Amino acid sequence: MKRILFVFLFAFTSLISAQAQFSVDGVDIQELDIQYLTVKAYGPSVLSKFTRVLIDYGQRPTFKRQEFLDDKRREIQFYSEMDVINYMAKLGWEVHEIYREDVDSGPVNFIMQRK
């Protein structure tokens, strides 16, 4: 009986911890009741090898750098626009629309929809 209980508890805790988490400035967007969000990717700069990313899910605007954390509370940094899109796809989001604010330059905006 103890073995069955142990196996059940182990399986249950594994399922709970297997849920993907992705937090933007401390807010787990996987837990929010939202269907769409915008990923704004600026591309790598001369000073950094990482792509600057802003995620808008309807929160109040801030003018500071956003912090992205995974389920183990480790910071996530993206190397390219596709790195961001592939990460979001793993979390259950798909690209709904892509546009640029300026034809020649500026960030690429990806409107993402929950699958």
N, C-alpha and C. Protein backbone atom coordinates (compact mmCIF):
# COMPACT_ATOMS: atom_id res chain seq x y z
N MET A 1 0.83 -1.20 0.00
CA MET A 1 0.00 0.00 0.00
C MET A 1 0.87 1.26 0.00
N LYS A 2 1.94 1.23 0.81
CA LYS A 2 2.82 2.39 0.86
C LYS A 2 3.49 2.63 -0.49
N ARG A 3 3.82 1.53 -1.18
CA ARG A 3 4.44 1.67 -2.50
C ARG A 3 3.49 2.33 -3.49
N ILE A 4 2.26 1.91 -3.49
CA ILE A 4 1.27 2.49 -4.40
C ILE A 4 1.08 3.97 -4.10
N LEU A 5 1.00 4.32 -2.84
CA LEU A 5 0.85 5.71 -2.44
C LEU A 5 2.07 6.53 -2.87
N PHE A 6 3.27 5.98 -2.67
CA PHE A 6 4.50 6.66 -3.08
C PHE A 6 4.53 6.89 -4.59
N VAL A 7 4.18 5.87 -5.37
CA VAL A 7 4.17 5.99 -6.83
C VAL A 7 3.15 7.04 -7.26
N PHE A 8 1.98 7.03 -6.66
CA PHE A 8 0.96 8.01 -6.98
C PHE A 8 1.43 9.42 -6.67
N LEU A 9 1.99 9.63 -5.50
CA LEU A 9 2.48 10.96 -5.13
C LEU A 9 3.62 11.42 -6.04
N PHE A 10 4.52 10.52 -6.39
CA PHE A 10 5.62 10.86 -7.29
C PHE A 10 5.08 11.27 -8.66
N ALA A 11 4.14 10.51 -9.20
CA ALA A 11 3.56 10.82 -10.50
C ALA A 11 2.82 12.16 -10.45
N PHE A 12 2.09 12.41 -9.39
CA PHE A 12 1.34 13.66 -9.25
C PHE A 12 2.27 14.87 -9.20
N THR A 13 3.32 14.79 -8.41
CA THR A 13 4.26 15.91 -8.31
C THR A 13 5.02 16.10 -9.62
N SER A 14 5.28 15.04 -10.35
CA SER A 14 5.94 15.16 -11.65
C SER A 14 5.07 15.90 -12.63
N LEU A 15 3.78 15.61 -12.62
CA LEU A 15 2.86 16.30 -13.52
C LEU A 15 2.75 17.79 -13.20
N ILE A 16 2.73 18.11 -11.92
CA ILE A 16 2.63 19.51 -11.52
C ILE A 16 3.88 20.27 -11.93
N SER A 17 5.04 19.70 -11.70
CA SER A 17 6.28 20.39 -12.03
C SER A 17 6.57 20.40 -13.52
N ALA A 18 5.89 19.56 -14.31
CA ALA A 18 6.13 19.51 -15.75
C ALA A 18 5.47 20.66 -16.50
N GLN A 19 4.56 21.37 -15.87
CA GLN A 19 3.93 22.49 -16.53
C GLN A 19 4.94 23.60 -16.75
N ALA A 20 4.98 24.09 -17.98
CA ALA A 20 5.96 25.13 -18.32
C ALA A 20 5.56 26.46 -17.70
N GLN A 21 6.54 27.17 -17.21
CA GLN A 21 6.33 28.49 -16.67
C GLN A 21 7.25 29.45 -17.41
N PHE A 22 6.76 30.64 -17.61
CA PHE A 22 7.55 31.69 -18.24
C PHE A 22 7.09 33.00 -17.64
N SER A 23 7.96 33.64 -16.89
CA SER A 23 7.54 34.86 -16.23
C SER A 23 8.19 36.08 -16.89
N VAL A 24 7.38 37.11 -17.00
CA VAL A 24 7.80 38.40 -17.52
C VAL A 24 7.70 39.37 -16.36
N ASP A 25 8.83 39.85 -15.89
CA ASP A 25 8.88 40.75 -14.73
C ASP A 25 8.13 40.17 -13.53
N GLY A 26 8.30 38.88 -13.31
CA GLY A 26 7.71 38.23 -12.14
C GLY A 26 6.28 37.74 -12.32
N VAL A 27 5.68 37.94 -13.49
CA VAL A 27 4.31 37.50 -13.75
C VAL A 27 4.36 36.29 -14.68
N ASP A 28 3.81 35.16 -14.23
CA ASP A 28 3.78 33.94 -15.05
C ASP A 28 2.70 34.09 -16.11
N ILE A 29 3.11 34.33 -17.36
CA ILE A 29 2.11 34.58 -18.41
C ILE A 29 1.35 33.32 -18.78
N GLN A 30 1.87 32.15 -18.43
CA GLN A 30 1.16 30.91 -18.72
C GLN A 30 -0.09 30.78 -17.84
N GLU A 31 -0.10 31.46 -16.71
CA GLU A 31 -1.23 31.38 -15.78
C GLU A 31 -2.28 32.46 -16.04
N LEU A 32 -1.95 33.44 -16.87
CA LEU A 32 -2.89 34.53 -17.14
C LEU A 32 -4.00 34.08 -18.08
N ASP A 33 -5.15 34.71 -17.94
CA ASP A 33 -6.29 34.42 -18.82
C ASP A 33 -6.21 35.34 -20.04
N ILE A 34 -5.23 35.06 -20.91
CA ILE A 34 -5.04 35.86 -22.12
C ILE A 34 -4.95 34.92 -23.31
N GLN A 35 -5.36 35.40 -24.47
CA GLN A 35 -5.28 34.61 -25.71
C GLN A 35 -4.21 35.13 -26.66
N TYR A 36 -3.86 36.42 -26.54
CA TYR A 36 -2.89 37.04 -27.44
C TYR A 36 -1.86 37.83 -26.65
N LEU A 37 -0.68 37.94 -27.23
CA LEU A 37 0.35 38.83 -26.71
C LEU A 37 1.23 39.25 -27.88
N THR A 38 1.99 40.31 -27.68
CA THR A 38 2.89 40.80 -28.71
C THR A 38 4.33 40.62 -28.24
N VAL A 39 5.14 40.05 -29.11
CA VAL A 39 6.58 39.95 -28.89
C VAL A 39 7.23 40.94 -29.83
N LYS A 40 7.93 41.91 -29.26
CA LYS A 40 8.63 42.92 -30.05
C LYS A 40 10.12 42.60 -29.96
N ALA A 41 10.74 42.23 -31.09
CA ALA A 41 12.15 41.82 -31.12
C ALA A 41 12.96 42.84 -31.89
N TYR A 42 13.97 43.39 -31.24
CA TYR A 42 14.80 44.44 -31.83
C TYR A 42 16.05 43.90 -32.53
N GLY A 43 16.38 42.65 -32.37
CA GLY A 43 17.59 42.11 -32.98
C GLY A 43 18.81 42.43 -32.13
N PRO A 44 19.90 41.70 -32.35
CA PRO A 44 21.11 41.94 -31.56
C PRO A 44 21.70 43.32 -31.86
N SER A 45 22.30 43.91 -30.86
CA SER A 45 22.91 45.23 -31.04
C SER A 45 24.42 45.09 -31.12
N VAL A 46 25.08 46.20 -31.37
CA VAL A 46 26.54 46.22 -31.44
C VAL A 46 27.15 45.89 -30.07
N LEU A 47 26.47 46.28 -29.00
CA LEU A 47 27.01 46.11 -27.66
C LEU A 47 26.67 44.78 -27.01
N SER A 48 25.77 44.01 -27.62
CA SER A 48 25.33 42.76 -27.00
C SER A 48 25.08 41.70 -28.07
N LYS A 49 25.33 40.46 -27.72
CA LYS A 49 25.05 39.37 -28.66
C LYS A 49 23.59 38.90 -28.57
N PHE A 50 22.87 39.42 -27.59
CA PHE A 50 21.48 39.01 -27.39
C PHE A 50 20.51 39.96 -28.08
N THR A 51 19.35 39.44 -28.41
CA THR A 51 18.26 40.22 -29.00
C THR A 51 17.46 40.87 -27.89
N ARG A 52 17.19 42.15 -28.03
CA ARG A 52 16.34 42.85 -27.05
C ARG A 52 14.89 42.52 -27.36
N VAL A 53 14.16 42.06 -26.35
CA VAL A 53 12.79 41.59 -26.52
C VAL A 53 11.89 42.29 -25.51
N LEU A 54 10.73 42.71 -25.99
CA LEU A 54 9.67 43.23 -25.12
C LEU A 54 8.42 42.39 -25.36
N ILE A 55 7.77 41.99 -24.29
CA ILE A 55 6.53 41.23 -24.41
C ILE A 55 5.41 42.05 -23.79
N ASP A 56 4.37 42.25 -24.58
CA ASP A 56 3.21 43.01 -24.14
C ASP A 56 2.02 42.05 -24.08
N TYR A 57 1.52 41.81 -22.88
CA TYR A 57 0.35 40.96 -22.70
C TYR A 57 -0.83 41.76 -22.16
N GLY A 58 -0.67 43.09 -22.14
CA GLY A 58 -1.73 43.96 -21.64
C GLY A 58 -1.39 44.61 -20.32
N GLN A 59 -0.15 44.49 -19.88
CA GLN A 59 0.28 45.09 -18.62
C GLN A 59 0.51 46.58 -18.80
N ARG A 60 0.67 47.28 -17.68
CA ARG A 60 1.00 48.70 -17.73
C ARG A 60 2.38 48.88 -18.34
N PRO A 61 2.55 49.89 -19.18
CA PRO A 61 3.87 50.08 -19.80
C PRO A 61 4.93 50.49 -18.79
N THR A 62 6.12 49.95 -18.97
CA THR A 62 7.27 50.34 -18.17
C THR A 62 8.39 50.69 -19.14
N PHE A 63 9.33 51.45 -18.66
CA PHE A 63 10.43 51.87 -19.52
C PHE A 63 11.74 51.22 -19.11
N LYS A 64 11.65 50.14 -18.35
CA LYS A 64 12.85 49.42 -17.95
C LYS A 64 12.95 48.12 -18.74
N ARG A 65 14.12 47.54 -18.71
CA ARG A 65 14.36 46.27 -19.39
C ARG A 65 13.54 45.17 -18.72
N GLN A 66 12.84 44.39 -19.52
CA GLN A 66 12.05 43.30 -18.97
C GLN A 66 12.95 42.13 -18.60
N GLU A 67 12.55 41.43 -17.56
CA GLU A 67 13.28 40.25 -17.10
C GLU A 67 12.44 39.02 -17.39
N PHE A 68 13.03 38.05 -18.07
CA PHE A 68 12.35 36.80 -18.41
C PHE A 68 12.98 35.67 -17.62
N LEU A 69 12.14 34.89 -16.92
CA LEU A 69 12.63 33.78 -16.11
C LEU A 69 11.92 32.49 -16.50
N ASP A 70 12.65 31.37 -16.45
CA ASP A 70 12.04 30.08 -16.72
C ASP A 70 11.47 29.49 -15.43
N ASP A 71 11.03 28.23 -15.49
CA ASP A 71 10.40 27.61 -14.33
C ASP A 71 11.37 27.38 -13.17
N LYS A 72 12.66 27.43 -13.42
CA LYS A 72 13.66 27.28 -12.35
C LYS A 72 14.20 28.63 -11.90
N ARG A 73 13.51 29.69 -12.27
CA ARG A 73 13.85 31.07 -11.91
C ARG A 73 15.20 31.51 -12.47
N ARG A 74 15.60 30.92 -13.61
CA ARG A 74 16.83 31.33 -14.30
C ARG A 74 16.47 32.34 -15.37
N GLU A 75 17.33 33.34 -15.55
CA GLU A 75 17.08 34.36 -16.56
C GLU A 75 17.23 33.78 -17.96
N ILE A 76 16.32 34.18 -18.83
CA ILE A 76 16.35 33.73 -20.22
C ILE A 76 16.75 34.92 -21.08
N GLN A 77 17.71 34.69 -21.97
CA GLN A 77 18.09 35.70 -22.95
C GLN A 77 18.02 35.04 -24.32
N PHE A 78 17.63 35.81 -25.32
CA PHE A 78 17.41 35.28 -26.65
C PHE A 78 18.48 35.79 -27.60
N TYR A 79 18.93 34.90 -28.50
CA TYR A 79 19.98 35.24 -29.45
C TYR A 79 19.44 35.84 -30.75
N SER A 80 18.19 35.55 -31.08
CA SER A 80 17.61 36.05 -32.33
C SER A 80 16.09 36.07 -32.21
N GLU A 81 15.46 36.61 -33.24
CA GLU A 81 14.00 36.64 -33.27
C GLU A 81 13.43 35.22 -33.29
N MET A 82 14.06 34.33 -34.05
CA MET A 82 13.59 32.95 -34.13
C MET A 82 13.77 32.21 -32.82
N ASP A 83 14.79 32.57 -32.05
CA ASP A 83 14.99 31.98 -30.73
C ASP A 83 13.77 32.27 -29.84
N VAL A 84 13.30 33.50 -29.89
CA VAL A 84 12.11 33.89 -29.11
C VAL A 84 10.89 33.13 -29.58
N ILE A 85 10.67 33.09 -30.90
CA ILE A 85 9.49 32.42 -31.45
C ILE A 85 9.51 30.93 -31.14
N ASN A 86 10.65 30.28 -31.27
CA ASN A 86 10.74 28.86 -30.96
C ASN A 86 10.48 28.60 -29.47
N TYR A 87 10.97 29.46 -28.61
CA TYR A 87 10.73 29.31 -27.17
C TYR A 87 9.23 29.45 -26.87
N MET A 88 8.61 30.45 -27.47
CA MET A 88 7.18 30.66 -27.24
C MET A 88 6.36 29.49 -27.80
N ALA A 89 6.78 28.91 -28.92
CA ALA A 89 6.09 27.75 -29.50
C ALA A 89 6.14 26.56 -28.55
N LYS A 90 7.27 26.37 -27.87
CA LYS A 90 7.38 25.29 -26.88
C LYS A 90 6.41 25.48 -25.73
N LEU A 91 6.09 26.75 -25.45
CA LEU A 91 5.16 27.05 -24.35
C LEU A 91 3.69 27.00 -24.78
N GLY A 92 3.44 26.75 -26.06
CA GLY A 92 2.06 26.62 -26.52
C GLY A 92 1.50 27.86 -27.21
N TRP A 93 2.37 28.71 -27.72
CA TRP A 93 1.95 29.90 -28.46
C TRP A 93 2.30 29.74 -29.92
N GLU A 94 1.50 30.33 -30.81
CA GLU A 94 1.80 30.29 -32.23
C GLU A 94 1.72 31.70 -32.81
N VAL A 95 2.46 31.92 -33.89
CA VAL A 95 2.48 33.23 -34.54
C VAL A 95 1.16 33.44 -35.27
N HIS A 96 0.51 34.54 -34.95
CA HIS A 96 -0.76 34.90 -35.59
C HIS A 96 -0.53 35.93 -36.71
N GLU A 97 0.37 36.87 -36.45
CA GLU A 97 0.64 37.93 -37.42
C GLU A 97 2.04 38.50 -37.16
N ILE A 98 2.69 38.97 -38.23
CA ILE A 98 4.01 39.59 -38.13
C ILE A 98 3.95 40.93 -38.85
N TYR A 99 4.51 41.96 -38.23
CA TYR A 99 4.59 43.26 -38.89
C TYR A 99 5.76 44.06 -38.34
N ARG A 100 6.18 45.05 -39.11
CA ARG A 100 7.22 46.00 -38.70
C ARG A 100 6.58 47.37 -38.58
N GLU A 101 7.01 48.11 -37.57
CA GLU A 101 6.49 49.47 -37.39
C GLU A 101 7.03 50.40 -38.47
N ASP A 102 8.28 50.15 -38.90
CA ASP A 102 8.92 50.93 -39.94
C ASP A 102 9.41 49.93 -40.99
N VAL A 103 9.17 50.20 -42.25
CA VAL A 103 9.50 49.24 -43.31
C VAL A 103 11.00 48.95 -43.36
N ASP A 104 11.84 49.98 -43.21
CA ASP A 104 13.28 49.80 -43.36
C ASP A 104 14.00 49.36 -42.09
N SER A 105 13.50 49.78 -40.95
CA SER A 105 14.18 49.44 -39.71
C SER A 105 13.14 49.32 -38.59
N GLY A 106 13.62 49.15 -37.41
CA GLY A 106 12.72 49.03 -36.27
C GLY A 106 12.50 47.59 -35.90
N PRO A 107 11.80 47.37 -34.81
CA PRO A 107 11.59 46.00 -34.32
C PRO A 107 10.61 45.22 -35.18
N VAL A 108 10.75 43.91 -35.10
CA VAL A 108 9.77 43.01 -35.71
C VAL A 108 8.76 42.68 -34.62
N ASN A 109 7.48 42.81 -34.94
CA ASN A 109 6.42 42.54 -33.98
C ASN A 109 5.73 41.24 -34.36
N PHE A 110 5.66 40.33 -33.41
CA PHE A 110 4.98 39.06 -33.61
C PHE A 110 3.76 39.04 -32.70
N ILE A 111 2.59 38.96 -33.27
CA ILE A 111 1.39 38.76 -32.46
C ILE A 111 1.23 37.27 -32.29
N MET A 112 1.28 36.84 -31.04
CA MET A 112 1.22 35.41 -30.72
C MET A 112 -0.16 35.07 -30.17
N GLN A 113 -0.64 33.89 -30.54
CA GLN A 113 -1.93 33.40 -30.07
C GLN A 113 -1.72 32.08 -29.35
N ARG A 114 -2.44 31.93 -28.25
CA ARG A 114 -2.35 30.65 -27.50
C ARG A 114 -2.98 29.55 -28.35
N LYS A 115 -2.29 28.40 -28.44
CA LYS A 115 -2.79 27.27 -29.23
C LYS A 115 -3.99 26.65 -28.58
